[in-house]
Amino acid sequence: MKKLSIIRFKPKPDHFNDFVENIRSYHAETNTVGYLMKTDDEVFAVIIRDSDTLDDDAQRGVQWLDRQRPLLQEFNEVDRHTIPITGDLVV
């Protein structure tokens, strides 16, 4: 089964392009299958992966995110630096 994840990020305005480049590099290094979408002030990562790799991929992603937090604004006290959603991919 394939999983689809959508993760919202809100880079600080003066770090927007740096963050986009960092996430593009991370996806290239990890052979992540997905897409990036940007709006005026947010970046959305849309990722497709096998369900059996989801946990390991998520752990690596959190470790990467920990290094990126200085570039990001918090959405709120609960979600903090990301708003993620993951579910089964239906085609």
C-alpha atoms as a PDB file:
ATOM      1  CA  MET A   1       0.000   0.000   0.000  1.00  0.00           C
ATOM      2  CA  LYS A   2       1.186   3.508  -0.798  1.00  0.00           C
ATOM      3  CA  LYS A   3       0.867   6.428   1.603  1.00  0.00           C
ATOM      4  CA  LEU A   4       0.447  10.078   0.647  1.00  0.00           C
ATOM      5  CA  SER A   5       1.659  12.775   3.019  1.00  0.00           C
ATOM      6  CA  ILE A   6       1.108  16.509   2.742  1.00  0.00           C
ATOM      7  CA  ILE A   7       3.244  18.627   5.039  1.00  0.00           C
ATOM      8  CA  ARG A   8       2.837  22.401   5.385  1.00  0.00           C
ATOM      9  CA  PHE A   9       5.768  24.609   6.313  1.00  0.00           C
ATOM     10  CA  LYS A  10       5.872  28.366   6.828  1.00  0.00           C
ATOM     11  CA  PRO A  11       9.436  29.602   6.293  1.00  0.00           C
ATOM     12  CA  LYS A  12      10.504  32.901   7.767  1.00  0.00           C
ATOM     13  CA  PRO A  13      10.367  35.469   4.954  1.00  0.00           C
ATOM     14  CA  ASP A  14      14.123  36.070   4.944  1.00  0.00           C
ATOM     15  CA  HIS A  15      14.806  32.293   4.810  1.00  0.00           C
ATOM     16  CA  PHE A  16      12.112  31.250   2.320  1.00  0.00           C
ATOM     17  CA  ASN A  17      14.436  30.454  -0.595  1.00  0.00           C
ATOM     18  CA  ASP A  18      17.011  28.812   1.694  1.00  0.00           C
ATOM     19  CA  PHE A  19      14.355  26.499   3.090  1.00  0.00           C
ATOM     20  CA  VAL A  20      13.054  25.594  -0.380  1.00  0.00           C
ATOM     21  CA  GLU A  21      16.582  24.709  -1.480  1.00  0.00           C
ATOM     22  CA  ASN A  22      17.178  22.691   1.702  1.00  0.00           C
ATOM     23  CA  ILE A  23      14.017  20.626   1.263  1.00  0.00           C
ATOM     24  CA  ARG A  24      14.772  20.052  -2.424  1.00  0.00           C
ATOM     25  CA  SER A  25      18.248  18.822  -1.499  1.00  0.00           C
ATOM     26  CA  TYR A  26      16.832  16.583   1.227  1.00  0.00           C
ATOM     27  CA  HIS A  27      14.372  15.011  -1.204  1.00  0.00           C
ATOM     28  CA  ALA A  28      17.158  14.417  -3.732  1.00  0.00           C
ATOM     29  CA  GLU A  29      19.459  12.866  -1.109  1.00  0.00           C
ATOM     30  CA  THR A  30      16.740  10.549   0.216  1.00  0.00           C
ATOM     31  CA  ASN A  31      15.257   9.674  -3.202  1.00  0.00           C
ATOM     32  CA  THR A  32      11.904  10.957  -2.007  1.00  0.00           C
ATOM     33  CA  VAL A  33       9.086  10.603  -4.531  1.00  0.00           C
ATOM     34  CA  GLY A  34       7.017  13.723  -4.284  1.00  0.00           C
ATOM     35  CA  TYR A  35       6.422  17.322  -5.181  1.00  0.00           C
ATOM     36  CA  LEU A  36       6.876  20.745  -3.655  1.00  0.00           C
ATOM     37  CA  MET A  37       4.328  23.509  -3.958  1.00  0.00           C
ATOM     38  CA  LYS A  38       4.817  27.041  -2.751  1.00  0.00           C
ATOM     39  CA  THR A  39       2.476  29.925  -2.119  1.00  0.00           C
ATOM     40  CA  ASP A  40       3.446  33.444  -1.124  1.00  0.00           C
ATOM     41  CA  ASP A  41       4.356  32.391   2.413  1.00  0.00           C
ATOM     42  CA  GLU A  42       4.132  28.584   2.683  1.00  0.00           C
ATOM     43  CA  VAL A  43       5.744  25.461   1.263  1.00  0.00           C
ATOM     44  CA  PHE A  44       3.828  22.199   0.875  1.00  0.00           C
ATOM     45  CA  ALA A  45       5.619  18.870   0.509  1.00  0.00           C
ATOM     46  CA  VAL A  46       3.500  16.171  -1.151  1.00  0.00           C
ATOM     47  CA  ILE A  47       5.206  12.814  -0.691  1.00  0.00           C
ATOM     48  CA  ILE A  48       4.336   9.302  -1.862  1.00  0.00           C
ATOM     49  CA  ARG A  49       5.964   6.336  -0.147  1.00  0.00           C
ATOM     50  CA  ASP A  50       5.438   2.673   0.673  1.00  0.00           C
ATOM     51  CA  SER A  51       3.619   2.043   3.937  1.00  0.00           C
ATOM     52  CA  ASP A  52       6.429  -0.232   5.141  1.00  0.00           C
ATOM     53  CA  THR A  53       8.962   2.634   4.967  1.00  0.00           C
ATOM     54  CA  LEU A  54       6.694   5.303   6.479  1.00  0.00           C
ATOM     55  CA  ASP A  55       7.974   5.036  10.065  1.00  0.00           C
ATOM     56  CA  ASP A  56      11.668   5.117   9.116  1.00  0.00           C
ATOM     57  CA  ASP A  57      11.118   7.944   6.627  1.00  0.00           C
ATOM     58  CA  ALA A  58       9.189   9.942   9.213  1.00  0.00           C
ATOM     59  CA  GLN A  59      11.959   9.536  11.811  1.00  0.00           C
ATOM     60  CA  ARG A  60      14.577  10.745   9.319  1.00  0.00           C
ATOM     61  CA  GLY A  61      12.286  13.626   8.384  1.00  0.00           C
ATOM     62  CA  VAL A  62      11.940  14.751  11.999  1.00  0.00           C
ATOM     63  CA  GLN A  63      15.722  14.680  12.431  1.00  0.00           C
ATOM     64  CA  TRP A  64      16.062  16.836   9.305  1.00  0.00           C
ATOM     65  CA  LEU A  65      13.290  19.146  10.528  1.00  0.00           C
ATOM     66  CA  ASP A  66      15.086  19.693  13.827  1.00  0.00           C
ATOM     67  CA  ARG A  67      17.929  21.314  11.855  1.00  0.00           C
ATOM     68  CA  GLN A  68      15.480  23.434   9.819  1.00  0.00           C
ATOM     69  CA  ARG A  69      13.418  24.871  12.684  1.00  0.00           C
ATOM     70  CA  PRO A  70      15.435  28.133  12.844  1.00  0.00           C
ATOM     71  CA  LEU A  71      14.290  28.837   9.256  1.00  0.00           C
ATOM     72  CA  LEU A  72      10.594  28.263  10.031  1.00  0.00           C
ATOM     73  CA  GLN A  73       7.802  30.159  11.723  1.00  0.00           C
ATOM     74  CA  GLU A  74       5.518  28.293  14.087  1.00  0.00           C
ATOM     75  CA  PHE A  75       1.907  27.885  12.980  1.00  0.00           C
ATOM     76  CA  ASN A  76       0.730  27.641  16.602  1.00  0.00           C
ATOM     77  CA  GLU A  77       1.750  26.082  19.932  1.00  0.00           C
ATOM     78  CA  VAL A  78       0.237  22.685  19.096  1.00  0.00           C
ATOM     79  CA  ASP A  79       1.381  22.116  15.499  1.00  0.00           C
ATOM     80  CA  ARG A  80       4.538  24.180  15.895  1.00  0.00           C
ATOM     81  CA  HIS A  81       6.603  24.172  12.643  1.00  0.00           C
ATOM     82  CA  THR A  82       4.565  21.785  10.453  1.00  0.00           C
ATOM     83  CA  ILE A  83       0.993  20.802   9.750  1.00  0.00           C
ATOM     84  CA  PRO A  84       1.160  17.215   8.429  1.00  0.00           C
ATOM     85  CA  ILE A  85      -1.500  14.841   7.176  1.00  0.00           C
ATOM     86  CA  THR A  86      -0.947  11.271   5.934  1.00  0.00           C
ATOM     87  CA  GLY A  87      -3.338   8.713   4.516  1.00  0.00           C
ATOM     88  CA  ASP A  88      -3.718   5.838   2.090  1.00  0.00           C
ATOM     89  CA  LEU A  89      -3.161   6.758  -1.545  1.00  0.00           C
ATOM     90  CA  VAL A  90      -6.265   6.010  -3.598  1.00  0.00           C
ATOM     91  CA  VAL A  91      -5.843   5.865  -7.363  1.00  0.00           C
END
